[in-house]
N, C-alpha and C. Protein backbone atom coordinates (compact mmCIF):
# COMPACT_ATOMS: atom_id res chain seq x y z
N MET A 1 -42.55 117.03 45.42
CA MET A 1 -41.74 116.68 45.73
C MET A 1 -40.73 117.16 44.98
N SER A 2 -39.68 117.65 43.90
CA SER A 2 -38.60 117.31 43.49
C SER A 2 -37.79 116.29 43.10
N TYR A 3 -37.94 116.52 41.98
CA TYR A 3 -36.81 115.30 41.12
C TYR A 3 -35.31 115.75 40.54
N PHE A 4 -34.39 114.88 40.46
CA PHE A 4 -33.08 114.75 39.97
C PHE A 4 -32.74 114.48 38.30
N LEU A 5 -32.09 115.33 37.43
CA LEU A 5 -31.63 114.57 36.40
C LEU A 5 -29.88 113.76 37.22
N TYR A 6 -29.73 113.36 37.51
CA TYR A 6 -28.00 112.49 36.83
C TYR A 6 -27.66 112.42 36.10
N ILE A 7 -26.44 112.39 36.10
CA ILE A 7 -24.85 111.73 35.10
C ILE A 7 -23.83 111.21 35.64
N LEU A 8 -24.08 110.17 36.03
CA LEU A 8 -22.38 109.33 36.86
C LEU A 8 -21.80 108.69 35.73
N ARG A 9 -20.11 108.88 36.32
CA ARG A 9 -19.14 108.79 35.70
C ARG A 9 -18.52 107.49 35.92
N CYS A 10 -18.97 106.68 35.14
CA CYS A 10 -17.82 105.31 35.79
C CYS A 10 -16.50 104.88 35.42
N GLY A 11 -16.53 104.11 36.08
CA GLY A 11 -14.81 104.10 36.27
C GLY A 11 -14.42 103.79 34.86
N ASP A 12 -15.15 102.69 34.23
CA ASP A 12 -14.02 102.81 33.10
C ASP A 12 -14.57 104.45 31.43
N GLY A 13 -15.03 105.64 32.94
CA GLY A 13 -14.58 106.41 31.52
C GLY A 13 -16.66 106.47 30.70
N SER A 14 -17.13 105.49 30.98
CA SER A 14 -19.08 105.67 30.21
C SER A 14 -20.00 105.96 31.24
N LEU A 15 -20.76 107.23 30.96
CA LEU A 15 -22.08 108.08 31.26
C LEU A 15 -23.47 107.36 31.37
N TYR A 16 -23.69 107.44 32.86
CA TYR A 16 -24.77 106.92 33.05
C TYR A 16 -25.40 107.86 33.35
N THR A 17 -27.22 108.04 32.81
CA THR A 17 -27.52 108.79 33.04
C THR A 17 -29.08 108.50 33.59
N GLY A 18 -29.93 109.29 35.00
CA GLY A 18 -30.69 108.83 35.06
C GLY A 18 -32.03 109.10 36.38
N ILE A 19 -32.64 109.44 37.11
CA ILE A 19 -33.45 110.16 37.95
C ILE A 19 -33.47 110.22 38.96
N ALA A 20 -34.00 111.08 40.20
CA ALA A 20 -34.20 110.90 41.72
C ALA A 20 -34.63 111.13 41.94
N ALA A 21 -35.27 111.34 43.08
CA ALA A 21 -35.59 111.97 44.44
C ALA A 21 -34.39 112.48 44.79
N ASP A 22 -33.20 111.44 45.36
CA ASP A 22 -32.64 111.99 46.39
C ASP A 22 -30.75 111.13 45.81
N VAL A 23 -30.45 112.13 45.23
CA VAL A 23 -29.23 111.57 44.28
C VAL A 23 -28.26 110.46 44.68
N GLU A 24 -27.82 111.57 46.05
CA GLU A 24 -26.68 110.85 47.52
C GLU A 24 -27.50 109.70 46.86
N LYS A 25 -28.83 109.40 47.43
CA LYS A 25 -29.30 108.14 48.30
C LYS A 25 -29.37 106.56 46.59
N ARG A 26 -29.67 107.04 45.44
CA ARG A 26 -30.09 106.42 44.50
C ARG A 26 -28.21 106.19 44.47
N LEU A 27 -26.89 107.27 44.37
CA LEU A 27 -25.37 106.73 44.18
C LEU A 27 -25.74 105.25 45.53
N ALA A 28 -25.29 105.73 46.08
CA ALA A 28 -25.10 104.61 47.54
C ALA A 28 -26.44 103.24 46.58
N VAL A 29 -26.98 103.52 46.38
CA VAL A 29 -27.87 102.03 45.76
C VAL A 29 -26.91 101.87 44.99
N HIS A 30 -26.38 101.69 43.33
CA HIS A 30 -25.56 102.16 41.89
C HIS A 30 -24.36 100.98 43.20
N GLN A 31 -23.75 102.13 44.16
CA GLN A 31 -22.18 102.03 44.24
C GLN A 31 -22.30 100.64 45.01
N SER A 32 -23.54 99.95 45.78
CA SER A 32 -23.95 98.89 46.52
C SER A 32 -24.26 97.66 45.24
N GLY A 33 -24.62 97.78 43.73
CA GLY A 33 -24.47 96.21 43.04
C GLY A 33 -25.55 96.60 43.38
N LYS A 34 -26.98 97.25 43.63
CA LYS A 34 -28.22 96.95 43.37
C LYS A 34 -28.52 98.22 42.75
N GLY A 35 -28.78 98.74 41.78
CA GLY A 35 -28.77 100.34 40.84
C GLY A 35 -29.09 99.65 39.51
N ALA A 36 -29.16 99.32 38.66
CA ALA A 36 -28.75 99.58 37.32
C ALA A 36 -27.97 99.02 37.44
N LYS A 37 -28.70 97.61 36.54
CA LYS A 37 -28.51 96.31 35.44
C LYS A 37 -25.98 97.38 34.70
N TYR A 38 -26.65 97.91 34.48
CA TYR A 38 -25.38 98.81 33.82
C TYR A 38 -24.41 99.36 34.83
N THR A 39 -24.27 99.67 35.44
CA THR A 39 -23.62 100.06 36.91
C THR A 39 -22.61 98.84 37.62
N ARG A 40 -23.79 98.33 37.03
CA ARG A 40 -22.91 97.18 37.77
C ARG A 40 -21.27 96.56 37.80
N GLY A 41 -20.56 96.85 38.10
CA GLY A 41 -19.14 96.52 38.10
C GLY A 41 -18.65 97.33 37.60
N ARG A 42 -18.51 98.50 36.94
CA ARG A 42 -18.13 99.58 36.35
C ARG A 42 -17.72 100.94 37.08
N GLY A 43 -17.74 100.50 38.74
CA GLY A 43 -16.58 101.69 39.57
C GLY A 43 -15.78 101.92 39.73
N PRO A 44 -15.51 102.71 40.35
CA PRO A 44 -15.65 103.88 40.77
C PRO A 44 -17.05 104.48 40.26
N LEU A 45 -18.54 105.41 40.64
CA LEU A 45 -19.31 106.09 40.38
C LEU A 45 -19.32 107.25 40.78
N THR A 46 -19.17 108.54 40.02
CA THR A 46 -19.19 109.41 40.08
C THR A 46 -19.81 110.13 39.60
N VAL A 47 -20.86 111.45 40.54
CA VAL A 47 -21.60 111.79 40.19
C VAL A 47 -21.18 113.79 39.57
N VAL A 48 -21.61 113.49 37.98
CA VAL A 48 -20.91 114.76 37.48
C VAL A 48 -22.02 116.02 36.58
N TYR A 49 -22.83 115.19 37.14
CA TYR A 49 -24.07 115.95 36.59
C TYR A 49 -25.46 116.26 37.38
N ARG A 50 -26.33 117.43 38.01
CA ARG A 50 -27.23 117.38 38.97
C ARG A 50 -28.48 118.32 37.83
N GLU A 51 -29.62 118.12 38.10
CA GLU A 51 -30.41 119.44 37.39
C GLU A 51 -31.46 118.64 38.34
N GLU A 52 -31.96 120.03 38.52
CA GLU A 52 -33.34 119.57 39.39
C GLU A 52 -34.64 119.73 38.73
N CYS A 53 -35.83 118.78 38.39
CA CYS A 53 -36.91 118.80 38.16
C CYS A 53 -38.00 119.31 38.31
N ALA A 54 -38.59 119.28 38.15
CA ALA A 54 -39.88 120.15 38.66
C ALA A 54 -41.08 118.55 39.63
N ASP A 55 -40.94 117.51 39.07
CA ASP A 55 -41.32 116.40 39.11
C ASP A 55 -41.04 114.99 38.47
N LYS A 56 -41.61 114.53 39.02
CA LYS A 56 -41.03 113.05 38.30
C LYS A 56 -41.94 113.08 36.37
N SER A 57 -42.30 113.69 36.55
CA SER A 57 -43.07 113.58 34.91
C SER A 57 -41.69 114.54 33.84
N ALA A 58 -41.61 115.57 35.03
CA ALA A 58 -40.74 116.81 33.94
C ALA A 58 -38.62 115.94 34.00
N ALA A 59 -38.83 115.27 35.10
CA ALA A 59 -37.38 114.42 35.18
C ALA A 59 -37.43 113.46 34.20
N LEU A 60 -37.92 113.01 34.00
CA LEU A 60 -38.97 111.24 32.63
C LEU A 60 -38.51 111.79 31.80
N LYS A 61 -39.22 112.93 30.98
CA LYS A 61 -39.22 113.50 29.70
C LYS A 61 -37.39 113.81 28.88
N ARG A 62 -36.61 114.66 30.88
CA ARG A 62 -34.98 115.53 30.36
C ARG A 62 -34.38 114.64 30.10
N GLU A 63 -34.94 113.71 31.69
CA GLU A 63 -34.14 112.19 30.87
C GLU A 63 -34.16 111.46 29.50
N ARG A 64 -34.76 111.43 28.80
CA ARG A 64 -35.75 110.96 27.54
C ARG A 64 -34.83 111.49 26.89
N ALA A 65 -34.35 112.62 26.78
CA ALA A 65 -33.44 113.75 26.15
C ALA A 65 -32.52 113.89 26.19
N VAL A 66 -31.58 113.80 27.47
CA VAL A 66 -30.27 113.98 27.84
C VAL A 66 -29.69 111.86 27.17
N LYS A 67 -30.38 110.89 27.12
CA LYS A 67 -29.90 110.16 26.74
C LYS A 67 -29.95 109.90 25.37
N ALA A 68 -30.10 110.97 24.49
CA ALA A 68 -30.87 110.67 23.00
C ALA A 68 -29.40 111.42 22.35
N LEU A 69 -29.16 112.45 23.51
CA LEU A 69 -27.58 113.12 22.73
C LEU A 69 -27.07 112.22 23.02
N PRO A 70 -26.08 112.81 21.45
CA PRO A 70 -24.88 111.85 21.87
C PRO A 70 -23.28 112.34 22.60
N ARG A 71 -22.08 111.87 22.68
CA ARG A 71 -21.76 112.08 24.47
C ARG A 71 -21.57 113.01 23.91
N ALA A 72 -21.08 113.28 22.80
CA ALA A 72 -19.65 114.15 23.37
C ALA A 72 -21.09 115.85 23.47
N LYS A 73 -22.11 115.56 23.00
CA LYS A 73 -23.41 117.14 23.93
C LYS A 73 -23.86 116.94 25.72
N LYS A 74 -23.19 115.38 25.81
CA LYS A 74 -23.31 115.05 27.82
C LYS A 74 -22.44 115.62 27.58
N LEU A 75 -20.60 115.01 27.26
CA LEU A 75 -19.55 115.94 28.10
C LEU A 75 -19.80 117.37 27.73
N ALA A 76 -20.28 118.02 26.41
CA ALA A 76 -20.48 119.21 27.30
C ALA A 76 -21.48 120.36 27.94
N LEU A 77 -23.12 119.78 27.99
CA LEU A 77 -23.88 119.06 29.16
C LEU A 77 -22.99 119.69 30.90
N ILE A 78 -22.21 119.09 31.33
CA ILE A 78 -21.45 118.56 32.19
C ILE A 78 -20.28 119.50 32.39
N GLU A 79 -19.60 119.38 31.50
CA GLU A 79 -18.56 120.90 31.64
C GLU A 79 -19.50 122.30 31.47
N GLU A 80 -20.56 122.55 30.69
CA GLU A 80 -21.12 123.74 30.83
C GLU A 80 -21.34 124.17 32.43
N ARG A 81 -22.10 123.30 33.04
CA ARG A 81 -22.09 122.94 34.82
C ARG A 81 -21.79 123.56 35.68
N PHE A 82 -19.50 123.57 35.17
CA PHE A 82 -18.34 123.62 35.88
C PHE A 82 -17.68 124.97 35.80
N THR A 83 -18.35 125.45 34.58
CA THR A 83 -18.36 127.30 34.09
C THR A 83 -18.99 128.13 34.59
């Protein structure tokens, strides 16, 4: 089963990184206020990056690596996806 790493842009301009098997379903959970505590009250939320990973383990490792990046590198990753 594939998993995805995703990055959300919150209404306040901050970025949130997570993983999910179904990114759209997970976004709906975040938007309902039942997702991560960080995203509550920070809407609107927009998926700005998604990356397919082989499995949950690979997605968790990638999430850890991306979360450790400084904001500028995360923004570069997002921009790279659109060029």
